[in-house]
Protein backbone atom coordinates (compact mmCIF):
# COMPACT_ATOMS: atom_id res chain seq x y z
CA MET A 1 -0.05 -0.35 -0.17
CA GLU A 2 1.38 3.07 -0.86
CA LYS A 3 1.88 6.16 1.66
CA ASN A 4 -0.09 9.21 0.34
CA ASP A 5 0.53 12.00 2.95
CA PHE A 6 1.86 15.19 2.26
CA LYS A 7 3.89 17.64 4.88
CA VAL A 8 3.70 21.64 5.21
CA ASP A 9 5.79 23.32 3.05
CA PRO A 10 6.95 26.20 5.48
CA ALA A 11 8.19 28.66 2.43
CA GLY A 12 4.58 28.45 0.59
CA ASP A 13 0.88 27.84 0.71
CA ASN A 14 -0.41 24.70 1.48
CA ILE A 15 -3.94 24.97 -0.43
CA VAL A 16 -6.04 21.58 0.68
CA GLU A 17 -9.78 20.56 0.83
CA LEU A 18 -10.94 18.71 3.80
CA ALA A 19 -12.57 15.42 2.75
CA PHE A 20 -14.46 14.87 5.86
CA ASN A 21 -16.21 16.51 8.69
CA THR A 22 -13.57 15.28 11.47
CA PRO A 23 -10.04 13.63 11.48
CA LYS A 24 -9.49 10.42 12.73
CA ASP A 25 -7.61 10.79 16.53
CA GLY A 26 -5.33 8.96 18.87
CA THR A 27 -2.45 9.39 21.39
CA ASN A 28 0.91 7.73 21.16
CA ALA A 29 4.07 8.37 23.26
CA TYR A 30 4.58 11.80 22.07
CA GLY A 31 1.10 12.88 22.92
CA ALA A 32 -2.08 13.18 20.74
CA TRP A 33 -2.55 13.24 17.01
CA TRP A 34 -5.39 13.79 14.49
CA LEU A 35 -5.08 12.53 10.82
CA TYR A 36 -7.07 14.55 8.67
CA GLY A 37 -8.13 13.47 5.00
CA VAL A 38 -7.51 15.74 2.62
CA LYS A 39 -7.50 16.51 -1.53
CA LYS A 40 -4.15 18.53 -2.33
CA ASP A 41 -3.41 19.26 -6.18
CA GLY A 42 -6.64 17.14 -6.88
CA LEU A 43 -5.39 13.52 -5.25
CA ASP A 44 -6.52 12.05 -1.99
CA THR A 45 -4.28 12.51 0.96
CA SER A 46 -3.60 12.76 4.40
CA PHE A 47 -2.33 15.29 6.69
CA PHE A 48 -0.88 14.24 10.42
CA VAL A 49 -1.29 16.88 13.04
CA THR A 50 0.49 16.79 16.18
CA SER A 51 -0.10 20.49 17.16
CA PRO A 52 -3.42 21.06 19.45
CA ASN A 53 -3.66 24.77 17.96
CA LEU A 54 -3.50 23.68 14.44
CA HIS A 55 -6.08 20.62 15.29
CA LYS A 56 -8.34 23.60 16.81
CA LYS A 57 -8.09 25.77 13.97
CA LEU A 58 -8.87 22.98 11.39
CA SER A 59 -11.58 21.39 13.44
CA GLU A 60 -13.92 24.77 12.67
CA TYR A 61 -14.41 23.58 9.46
CA GLY A 62 -16.38 20.65 7.83
CA LYS A 63 -15.88 18.62 4.55
CA GLY A 64 -15.40 20.74 1.59
CA ALA A 65 -13.89 23.58 2.85
CA LYS A 66 -10.57 24.71 0.95
CA LEU A 67 -8.24 25.74 3.06
CA ASN A 68 -4.66 27.58 2.97
CA ILE A 69 -2.40 25.94 5.80
CA LYS A 70 0.91 27.99 6.79
CA LYS A 71 3.62 28.11 9.31
CA GLU A 72 4.66 31.75 9.74
CA GLU A 73 7.28 33.13 11.77
CA TYR A 74 5.99 35.56 14.23
CA ALA A 75 9.15 36.18 15.63
CA PRO A 76 12.69 35.04 15.27
CA ASN A 77 12.53 31.16 15.47
CA LYS A 78 8.91 31.35 16.48
CA TYR A 79 6.25 30.11 14.46
CA ALA A 80 2.16 30.04 14.73
CA TRP A 81 0.00 28.11 12.39
CA GLU A 82 -2.32 30.20 10.31
CA VAL A 83 -5.37 28.67 8.62
CA HIS A 84 -7.32 30.63 5.88
CA ALA A 85 -10.73 29.60 4.31
CA LEU A 86 -10.61 29.57 0.48
CA GLY A 87 -14.06 28.35 0.21
CA GLY A 88 -16.59 26.22 2.05
CA SER A 89 -17.69 27.11 5.18
CA MET A 90 -17.31 26.64 9.05
CA LYS A 91 -19.01 24.00 10.72
CA SER A 92 -22.56 25.32 12.59
CA ASN A 93 -22.04 24.88 16.20
CA PRO A 94 -19.71 27.50 17.51
CA ILE A 95 -18.30 27.05 20.92
CA GLN A 96 -20.47 28.74 23.41
CA THR A 97 -18.83 31.55 25.78
CA THR A 98 -19.55 32.42 29.16
CA ALA A 99 -21.39 35.99 28.17
CA SER A 100 -23.43 34.21 25.87
CA ASN A 101 -24.69 31.19 28.15
CA ASN A 102 -25.11 33.25 31.12
CA SER A 103 -23.60 30.54 33.42
CA MET A 104 -22.20 32.42 36.71
CA PRO A 105 -18.33 32.16 36.98
CA ASP A 106 -16.62 31.13 40.07
CA ASN A 107 -15.80 33.65 42.87
CA ARG A 108 -12.40 33.35 41.89
CA THR A 109 -13.08 34.70 38.32
CA LEU A 110 -15.27 36.96 39.75
CA ASP A 111 -12.85 38.85 41.70
CA ILE A 112 -10.45 38.98 38.78
CA HIS A 113 -13.08 40.57 36.52
CA LYS A 114 -13.45 43.27 39.37
CA GLN A 115 -9.89 43.97 39.94
CA VAL A 116 -9.24 44.19 36.26
CA CYS A 117 -12.13 46.41 35.60
CA LEU A 118 -11.29 48.46 38.78
CA LYS A 119 -7.93 48.83 37.65
CA LEU A 120 -8.99 49.82 34.13
CA ALA A 121 -11.30 52.52 35.46
CA THR A 122 -9.19 53.86 37.85
CA GLN A 123 -6.29 54.24 34.95
CA SER A 124 -9.04 55.82 32.33
CA ILE A 125 -9.37 59.16 34.36
CA GLU A 126 -7.38 62.05 34.86
CA LYS A 127 -8.79 63.28 38.57
CA PHE A 128 -9.85 61.11 41.12
CA ASP A 129 -13.48 60.76 41.68
CA ILE A 130 -15.09 57.60 43.14
CA LYS A 131 -18.16 57.90 41.46
CA VAL A 132 -16.67 58.05 38.11
CA ILE A 133 -14.54 55.04 38.73
CA GLU A 134 -17.62 53.09 39.90
CA GLU A 135 -19.76 53.94 36.67
CA ARG A 136 -16.51 53.28 34.17
CA MET A 137 -16.21 49.85 36.53
CA TYR A 138 -19.65 48.90 35.76
CA GLN A 139 -19.59 49.82 32.35
CA LEU A 140 -16.60 47.82 31.60
CA LEU A 141 -18.05 44.78 33.48
CA ASP A 142 -21.24 45.21 31.43
CA VAL A 143 -18.87 44.88 28.28
CA LEU A 144 -17.14 41.74 29.47
CA HIS A 145 -20.22 39.87 31.03
CA GLY A 146 -22.98 41.13 28.41
CA SER A 147 -25.55 42.79 30.38
CA ARG A 148 -26.35 45.38 33.52
CA ALA A 149 -28.89 42.86 34.91
CA ASN A 150 -26.27 40.10 35.05
CA PRO A 151 -25.94 38.65 38.40
CA VAL A 152 -22.14 38.96 38.32
CA LEU A 153 -22.80 42.98 38.45
CA GLU A 154 -25.23 42.54 40.95
CA LYS A 155 -22.63 40.89 43.30
CA VAL A 156 -19.92 43.58 42.32
CA LYS A 157 -21.97 46.17 43.14
CA GLU A 158 -22.26 45.12 46.69
CA VAL A 159 -18.77 46.08 47.24
CA PHE A 160 -19.59 49.52 46.45
CA ASP A 161 -22.93 50.49 47.51
CA GLY A 162 -23.60 52.56 50.23
CA LYS A 163 -19.98 53.16 51.15
CA VAL A 164 -17.98 56.06 50.98
CA ILE A 165 -14.24 55.55 50.41
CA GLU A 166 -11.76 58.40 51.53
CA GLU A 167 -9.00 59.10 48.77
CA GLU A 168 -6.06 58.44 51.13
CA LYS A 169 -7.68 55.18 52.30
CA LEU A 170 -7.17 53.62 48.77
CA PRO A 171 -4.67 51.07 48.31
CA PHE A 172 -3.27 52.61 44.93
């Protein structure tokens, strides 16, 4: 049986068409692997993938998608996989995000969100004003979580509501 696979040409374009919706997969002593069935230059061939990042990018597309796969240098001796669609379409089941599925993040995540938004709100003003900082923090949390009615925002508001903080008592 003839082995008919191709290796990515790092100096040029690697235009392929996916032959299946999902690859074969497995693990070995070196870790996870994925074997994609593709058409390259009109020939049925396979493409062996060991990079989880490349697999993630390829798995967004289904059978019939025409893709250009490149390995591009973004810094000296540092490479990243690039996958550009030339035809076909992405799969129809995109990954849901926290903001869209309305699940409540854990307390640690809430605390991190609050700290980051407070820091950004503080850095974005010229003159210290706790009310302006509070409003900007809520606006940033609104962008982060999608809605002012979100329970995350209500939990964060508990920290500020009804409290007056003197400027000299702030830790920053």
